[in-house]
Amino acid sequence: MYYKSFHGKLASAQQGAVLVIGLIMLLLMTIVGISAIQGSGMQELMAGNMRDRQISFQSAESGLRVGEIAAGAAAHAPGTAEGVQNLMPLGGSADFWQSTYQWATGSNSKLTTLGLALASEESRYVIEPMNVALVLGGDGSAADTVGQQELPAPDIYRITSRGVGMSTDSITLLQSIFRRE
């Protein structure tokens, strides 16, 4: 009989507090789990975007190197390299290459045939011969000019390359100045 009365007092004193605390802990663990899933999903998106950016950069870099080789060929044998165009007045402007210049297949840009597996498009490049005058001593070869001397104009080219990543949303433009020594 003592056992029954003790059991009755214990059951009436609890009133379901363990159940309420257990449900609160379960809710907190669910919130933490959902936050972790969302955070890992965001990190996966960021890693994918970074990969796409790197692929577009590598594609543009490879197009730039092919363009420099072609510019070297144009310097040795003018009129033989593909992708050579007249100097464009806005060719140094990023806005010109991003919005004004037509990079489509029908344009004067040269399509590389490197076959980069992950890039959605082949890289393209444009070579512009720049008309510059060589100044005696301007490259550090002389400290002072005593008299006027006629110097040959150097072969200097501006090369612009465009690379596209895995998606067409990731585009990289690179430019370099090439001078044949």
Protein backbone atom coordinates (compact mmCIF):
# COMPACT_ATOMS: atom_id res chain seq x y z
CA MET A 1 0.00 0.00 0.00
CA TYR A 2 2.85 2.34 0.70
CA TYR A 3 4.05 1.73 -2.86
CA LYS A 4 0.76 2.87 -4.43
CA SER A 5 0.59 6.10 -2.54
CA PHE A 6 4.24 6.99 -3.34
CA HIS A 7 3.67 6.28 -7.06
CA GLY A 8 0.59 8.49 -7.11
CA LYS A 9 2.42 11.46 -5.60
CA LEU A 10 5.31 11.13 -8.08
CA ALA A 11 3.04 11.01 -11.14
CA SER A 12 1.05 14.06 -10.10
CA ALA A 13 4.22 16.12 -9.44
CA GLN A 14 5.69 15.75 -13.00
CA GLN A 15 2.82 17.16 -15.05
CA GLY A 16 4.60 16.53 -18.48
CA ALA A 17 7.58 18.88 -18.02
CA VAL A 18 9.99 16.39 -19.61
CA LEU A 19 7.85 16.24 -22.74
CA VAL A 20 7.80 20.05 -23.13
CA ILE A 21 11.57 20.32 -22.60
CA GLY A 22 12.16 17.46 -25.06
CA LEU A 23 10.03 19.18 -27.73
CA ILE A 24 11.89 22.48 -27.24
CA MET A 25 15.24 20.72 -27.62
CA LEU A 26 13.99 18.94 -30.75
CA LEU A 27 12.89 22.30 -32.21
CA LEU A 28 16.30 23.85 -31.48
CA MET A 29 18.13 20.93 -33.08
CA THR A 30 15.89 21.20 -36.17
CA ILE A 31 16.66 24.92 -36.53
CA VAL A 32 20.41 24.27 -36.21
CA GLY A 33 20.19 21.48 -38.82
CA ILE A 34 18.28 23.63 -41.31
CA SER A 35 20.80 26.47 -40.87
CA ALA A 36 23.69 24.07 -41.50
CA ILE A 37 22.05 22.77 -44.69
CA GLN A 38 21.41 26.30 -45.99
CA GLY A 39 24.99 27.34 -45.18
CA SER A 40 26.50 24.37 -47.00
CA GLY A 41 24.25 25.05 -50.01
CA MET A 42 25.47 28.66 -50.14
CA GLN A 43 29.09 27.53 -49.91
CA GLU A 44 28.51 25.12 -52.79
CA LEU A 45 27.10 27.95 -54.92
CA MET A 46 30.08 30.16 -54.10
CA ALA A 47 32.53 27.40 -54.99
CA GLY A 48 30.74 26.81 -58.30
CA ASN A 49 30.84 30.52 -59.15
CA MET A 50 34.54 30.69 -58.31
CA ARG A 51 35.21 27.66 -60.52
CA ASP A 52 33.28 29.27 -63.39
CA ARG A 53 35.25 32.50 -62.93
CA GLN A 54 38.56 30.63 -62.97
CA ILE A 55 37.61 28.74 -66.15
CA SER A 56 36.69 31.98 -67.92
CA PHE A 57 39.97 33.56 -66.77
CA GLN A 58 42.02 30.59 -67.97
CA SER A 59 40.18 30.65 -71.30
CA ALA A 60 40.90 34.37 -71.76
CA GLU A 61 44.53 33.84 -70.71
CA SER A 62 44.98 31.09 -73.29
CA GLY A 63 43.44 33.30 -75.98
CA LEU A 64 45.81 36.10 -74.98
CA ARG A 65 48.83 33.81 -75.35
CA VAL A 66 47.66 32.59 -78.76
CA GLY A 67 47.12 36.23 -79.76
CA GLU A 68 50.65 37.14 -78.67
CA ILE A 69 52.07 34.32 -80.79
CA ALA A 70 50.01 35.56 -83.74
CA ALA A 71 51.18 39.14 -83.09
CA GLY A 72 54.77 37.90 -83.19
CA ALA A 73 54.04 36.31 -86.56
CA ALA A 74 52.45 39.54 -87.77
CA ALA A 75 55.54 41.49 -86.71
CA HIS A 76 57.84 39.19 -88.70
CA ALA A 77 55.59 38.87 -91.74
CA PRO A 78 53.01 41.70 -91.84
CA GLY A 79 49.62 40.80 -93.22
CA THR A 80 49.87 37.10 -92.42
CA ALA A 81 48.36 36.86 -88.93
CA GLU A 82 44.64 36.39 -88.44
CA GLY A 83 42.71 38.57 -86.04
CA VAL A 84 44.73 41.74 -86.83
CA GLN A 85 42.54 44.84 -87.09
CA ASN A 86 43.07 48.55 -87.40
CA LEU A 87 43.63 50.42 -84.17
CA MET A 88 40.30 51.18 -82.54
CA PRO A 89 40.00 54.59 -80.86
CA LEU A 90 38.20 53.10 -77.84
CA GLY A 91 40.21 49.86 -77.77
CA GLY A 92 41.68 50.65 -74.36
CA SER A 93 38.24 51.09 -72.77
CA ALA A 94 36.71 48.16 -70.90
CA ASP A 95 33.21 49.42 -71.73
CA PHE A 96 34.01 49.24 -75.46
CA TRP A 97 34.96 45.54 -75.26
CA GLN A 98 32.08 44.63 -72.93
CA SER A 99 29.18 46.33 -74.68
CA THR A 100 30.14 47.89 -78.03
CA TYR A 101 32.46 45.42 -79.74
CA GLN A 102 30.76 42.45 -81.37
CA TRP A 103 32.53 39.23 -80.33
CA ALA A 104 30.21 37.08 -82.44
CA THR A 105 31.47 34.56 -84.96
CA GLY A 106 30.99 36.98 -87.85
CA SER A 107 33.18 39.68 -86.31
CA ASN A 108 36.87 40.25 -86.99
CA SER A 109 37.95 38.55 -83.79
CA LYS A 110 39.95 35.35 -84.20
CA LEU A 111 38.52 32.19 -82.65
CA THR A 112 41.10 29.99 -80.94
CA THR A 113 40.93 26.26 -81.49
CA LEU A 114 42.36 25.16 -78.17
CA GLY A 115 39.32 23.05 -77.29
CA LEU A 116 39.15 23.81 -73.57
CA ALA A 117 36.83 21.10 -72.29
CA LEU A 118 35.00 23.03 -69.55
CA ALA A 119 34.56 26.39 -71.31
CA SER A 120 31.19 26.86 -72.98
CA GLU A 121 32.79 28.83 -75.86
CA GLU A 122 36.22 29.03 -77.43
CA SER A 123 38.24 32.08 -76.48
CA ARG A 124 38.62 34.90 -79.00
CA TYR A 125 41.26 37.54 -79.49
CA VAL A 126 41.80 40.75 -81.43
CA ILE A 127 45.22 42.14 -82.39
CA GLU A 128 45.57 45.89 -82.99
CA PRO A 129 48.81 47.33 -84.40
CA MET A 130 49.57 50.53 -82.50
CA ASN A 131 51.22 53.45 -84.24
CA VAL A 132 53.87 54.71 -81.86
CA ALA A 133 57.09 56.63 -82.33
CA LEU A 134 60.26 55.48 -80.64
CA VAL A 135 61.92 58.16 -78.55
CA LEU A 136 65.67 57.87 -78.17
CA GLY A 137 66.39 57.23 -74.51
CA GLY A 138 62.75 56.58 -73.74
CA ASP A 139 63.49 52.94 -73.01
CA GLY A 140 66.52 53.69 -70.86
CA SER A 141 69.07 53.16 -73.64
CA ALA A 142 70.35 56.76 -73.54
CA ALA A 143 70.51 59.39 -70.84
CA ASP A 144 70.16 62.39 -73.12
CA THR A 145 69.50 63.17 -76.75
CA VAL A 146 72.05 65.46 -78.37
CA GLY A 147 70.62 65.53 -81.86
CA GLN A 148 67.49 64.35 -83.60
CA GLN A 149 67.83 60.86 -84.93
CA GLU A 150 65.32 59.03 -87.08
CA LEU A 151 64.47 55.73 -85.41
CA PRO A 152 62.33 52.98 -86.87
CA ALA A 153 58.89 52.62 -85.36
CA PRO A 154 58.68 49.52 -83.19
CA ASP A 155 56.15 46.79 -83.81
CA ILE A 156 53.75 47.19 -80.90
CA TYR A 157 50.37 45.47 -80.71
CA ARG A 158 47.49 45.64 -78.27
CA ILE A 159 45.93 42.21 -77.84
CA THR A 160 42.49 41.80 -76.30
CA SER A 161 41.15 38.38 -75.41
CA ARG A 162 37.71 37.21 -74.28
CA GLY A 163 37.09 33.98 -72.40
CA VAL A 164 33.79 32.44 -71.34
CA GLY A 165 33.38 30.05 -68.42
CA MET A 166 31.12 27.04 -68.03
CA SER A 167 28.09 29.32 -68.26
CA THR A 168 27.74 32.31 -70.55
CA ASP A 169 27.28 34.53 -67.47
CA SER A 170 30.98 34.35 -66.63
CA ILE A 171 33.04 36.40 -69.10
CA THR A 172 36.62 37.59 -68.65
CA LEU A 173 38.37 40.19 -70.80
CA LEU A 174 42.16 40.49 -70.75
CA GLN A 175 44.44 42.88 -72.57
CA SER A 176 48.19 43.03 -73.09
CA ILE A 177 50.67 45.11 -75.01
CA PHE A 178 53.09 43.10 -77.15
CA ARG A 179 56.34 44.46 -78.52
CA ARG A 180 58.58 42.48 -80.80
CA GLU A 181 62.20 42.74 -79.68
